[in-house]
Amino acid sequence: MVNIRLAKPDEQDILTEISFASKRYWDYPEEYFEIWKDELTITSGYIDKNIVYVVQWDEQIIAYFSIVFVPEDMQTKHVLVQKGWWLEHMFVLPEYIGKGIGRQMVRHMLKICGQKHIGRLNVFADPFAKGFYEKTGFNYVGEYPSSIAGRTVCLFEAGQLNRNTK
């Protein structure tokens, strides 16, 4: 049985493990993980500060997602991150990929956005996840440089989220 609930601050280690395991599913070179180390590491403070939900399957945490608010436009080395709500993380343990967990997470996420009056949600998605975001109703905006030289990420947005989401 799948259960989606708020993350607890002391679950930071399992969420970090899920981040790395999920990214490794795509066989990225190991040197990428050194670049992504800070981005993929979840702390208890991160859980306290942001909207973080975990997915449990028979009491085991198998996935999570996090929504963050960027209070003002922020220029990174390669891209302008616009003010607003962002889906920052959405990771599933590899052995659960393809079992509908991601779709359940998106439905729950949209419900939470409606409850919190979040009208638009942006996400910089891994290129391997492009099809998933298209299938779950996110609108493709374009390609943007990633933190890895010569690599891009896909920008998606979900708008009009305050509608009834069941």
Protein backbone atom coordinates (compact mmCIF):
# COMPACT_ATOMS: atom_id res chain seq x y z
CA MET A 1 0.00 0.00 0.00
CA VAL A 2 1.30 3.45 -0.96
CA ASN A 3 1.15 6.29 1.55
CA ILE A 4 2.22 9.89 0.85
CA ARG A 5 2.97 12.05 3.87
CA LEU A 6 5.06 15.01 5.00
CA ALA A 7 8.74 14.23 5.45
CA LYS A 8 10.28 14.32 8.92
CA PRO A 9 13.55 16.21 9.50
CA ASP A 10 15.32 13.06 10.69
CA GLU A 11 14.66 11.37 7.31
CA GLN A 12 17.29 13.43 5.52
CA ASP A 13 19.70 10.51 5.05
CA ILE A 14 17.18 8.24 3.31
CA LEU A 15 16.07 11.12 1.07
CA THR A 16 19.69 11.78 0.12
CA GLU A 17 20.17 8.07 -0.66
CA ILE A 18 17.07 8.14 -2.88
CA SER A 19 18.38 11.25 -4.70
CA PHE A 20 21.67 9.59 -5.59
CA ALA A 21 20.17 6.17 -6.40
CA SER A 22 17.55 7.69 -8.68
CA LYS A 23 20.13 9.81 -10.56
CA ARG A 24 22.43 6.79 -10.90
CA TYR A 25 19.62 4.91 -12.63
CA TRP A 26 20.49 6.89 -15.77
CA ASP A 27 24.17 5.81 -15.80
CA TYR A 28 25.62 9.28 -15.56
CA PRO A 29 29.42 9.46 -15.25
CA GLU A 30 30.56 9.35 -11.63
CA GLU A 31 32.22 12.78 -11.94
CA TYR A 32 28.76 14.34 -12.38
CA PHE A 33 27.86 13.24 -8.86
CA GLU A 34 30.64 15.34 -7.38
CA ILE A 35 29.13 18.38 -9.12
CA TRP A 36 25.63 17.39 -7.95
CA LYS A 37 26.69 16.45 -4.41
CA ASP A 38 25.31 19.56 -2.66
CA GLU A 39 22.21 19.67 -4.88
CA LEU A 40 21.31 16.03 -4.16
CA THR A 41 22.07 16.11 -0.42
CA ILE A 42 19.01 16.73 1.73
CA THR A 43 19.41 18.17 5.23
CA SER A 44 16.98 18.35 8.13
CA GLY A 45 16.99 22.14 7.68
CA TYR A 46 15.93 21.72 4.05
CA ILE A 47 13.01 19.54 5.16
CA ASP A 48 12.01 22.09 7.82
CA LYS A 49 12.18 25.03 5.41
CA ASN A 50 10.43 23.56 2.36
CA ILE A 51 7.41 21.48 1.36
CA VAL A 52 8.76 17.92 1.34
CA TYR A 53 6.66 14.77 1.01
CA VAL A 54 7.73 11.14 1.09
CA VAL A 55 6.14 8.12 -0.50
CA GLN A 56 6.04 4.95 1.58
CA TRP A 57 5.42 1.47 0.19
CA ASP A 58 4.73 -1.01 2.98
CA GLU A 59 6.33 1.39 5.51
CA GLN A 60 9.55 1.82 3.42
CA ILE A 61 10.30 5.28 2.02
CA ILE A 62 10.76 4.77 -1.71
CA ALA A 63 10.39 8.29 -3.17
CA TYR A 64 10.01 11.96 -2.35
CA PHE A 65 9.34 15.35 -3.83
CA SER A 66 10.00 18.88 -2.65
CA ILE A 67 8.48 22.22 -3.54
CA VAL A 68 10.39 25.41 -2.79
CA PHE A 69 9.63 29.10 -3.07
CA VAL A 70 12.21 31.33 -4.76
CA PRO A 71 11.47 34.81 -3.33
CA GLU A 72 13.11 36.80 -6.13
CA ASP A 73 14.65 36.23 -9.55
CA MET A 74 18.05 34.63 -9.10
CA GLN A 75 20.81 34.50 -11.69
CA THR A 76 22.92 31.35 -11.53
CA LYS A 77 26.06 30.82 -13.57
CA HIS A 78 24.06 29.72 -16.63
CA VAL A 79 20.38 30.52 -16.17
CA LEU A 80 17.91 32.93 -14.61
CA VAL A 81 15.72 31.18 -12.03
CA GLN A 82 12.49 33.12 -11.86
CA LYS A 83 10.72 34.11 -8.67
CA GLY A 84 7.97 31.66 -7.76
CA TRP A 85 7.24 28.07 -6.80
CA TRP A 86 9.51 25.30 -8.04
CA LEU A 87 9.42 21.54 -7.93
CA GLU A 88 13.04 21.16 -6.85
CA HIS A 89 13.27 17.41 -6.32
CA MET A 90 11.26 14.42 -7.43
CA PHE A 91 13.05 11.11 -7.03
CA VAL A 92 11.97 7.46 -6.96
CA LEU A 93 14.13 4.47 -6.03
CA PRO A 94 15.07 2.69 -9.29
CA GLU A 95 13.29 -0.57 -8.42
CA TYR A 96 10.00 1.38 -8.20
CA ILE A 97 10.37 3.34 -11.45
CA GLY A 98 7.63 2.39 -13.91
CA LYS A 99 5.15 1.34 -11.21
CA GLY A 100 3.01 4.50 -11.27
CA ILE A 101 4.65 6.09 -8.21
CA GLY A 102 5.58 9.24 -10.12
CA ARG A 103 2.02 9.75 -11.34
CA GLN A 104 0.71 9.36 -7.78
CA MET A 105 3.27 11.90 -6.61
CA VAL A 106 2.20 14.40 -9.27
CA ARG A 107 -1.49 14.01 -8.34
CA HIS A 108 -0.63 14.55 -4.67
CA MET A 109 1.64 17.48 -5.51
CA LEU A 110 -1.10 19.19 -7.53
CA LYS A 111 -3.53 18.68 -4.67
CA ILE A 112 -1.04 20.30 -2.25
CA CYS A 113 -0.51 23.19 -4.69
CA GLY A 114 -4.26 23.75 -4.78
CA GLN A 115 -4.50 23.72 -0.99
CA LYS A 116 -1.63 26.20 -0.67
CA HIS A 117 -2.94 28.44 -3.49
CA ILE A 118 0.15 27.83 -5.64
CA GLY A 119 -0.98 28.90 -9.09
CA ARG A 120 2.09 27.89 -11.07
CA LEU A 121 4.87 25.39 -10.49
CA ASN A 122 8.12 25.33 -12.48
CA VAL A 123 10.65 22.53 -12.75
CA PHE A 124 14.06 22.12 -14.33
CA ALA A 125 13.82 18.45 -15.28
CA ASP A 126 16.47 15.92 -16.13
CA PRO A 127 16.41 15.22 -19.90
CA PHE A 128 15.53 11.58 -19.18
CA ALA A 129 12.38 12.75 -17.37
CA LYS A 130 11.08 14.88 -20.25
CA GLY A 131 8.52 12.29 -21.39
CA PHE A 132 7.27 11.80 -17.84
CA TYR A 133 6.57 15.50 -17.32
CA GLU A 134 4.86 15.76 -20.72
CA LYS A 135 2.63 12.75 -19.91
CA THR A 136 1.65 14.17 -16.52
CA GLY A 137 0.46 17.50 -17.91
CA PHE A 138 3.41 19.83 -17.43
CA ASN A 139 4.03 22.27 -20.30
CA TYR A 140 7.43 22.17 -21.95
CA VAL A 141 9.04 25.62 -22.07
CA GLY A 142 12.54 24.92 -23.43
CA GLU A 143 16.10 23.76 -22.87
CA TYR A 144 18.50 25.54 -20.54
CA PRO A 145 22.15 24.97 -19.62
CA SER A 146 22.73 22.72 -16.61
CA SER A 147 25.51 22.78 -14.03
CA ILE A 148 27.35 20.26 -16.26
CA ALA A 149 29.17 21.83 -19.23
CA GLY A 150 27.59 20.84 -22.55
CA ARG A 151 24.46 19.41 -20.91
CA THR A 152 20.98 20.92 -20.80
CA VAL A 153 17.89 20.50 -18.63
CA CYS A 154 14.27 20.91 -19.64
CA LEU A 155 12.15 23.68 -18.18
CA PHE A 156 8.52 22.73 -17.58
CA GLU A 157 5.68 24.54 -15.92
CA ALA A 158 2.31 23.55 -14.61
CA GLY A 159 -0.11 26.46 -14.54
CA GLN A 160 -3.63 27.04 -13.24
CA LEU A 161 -3.01 24.70 -10.31
CA ASN A 162 -5.77 26.08 -8.12
CA ARG A 163 -8.34 24.01 -10.01
CA ASN A 164 -9.94 20.98 -8.40
CA THR A 165 -7.39 18.14 -8.44
CA LYS A 166 -8.59 14.67 -7.52
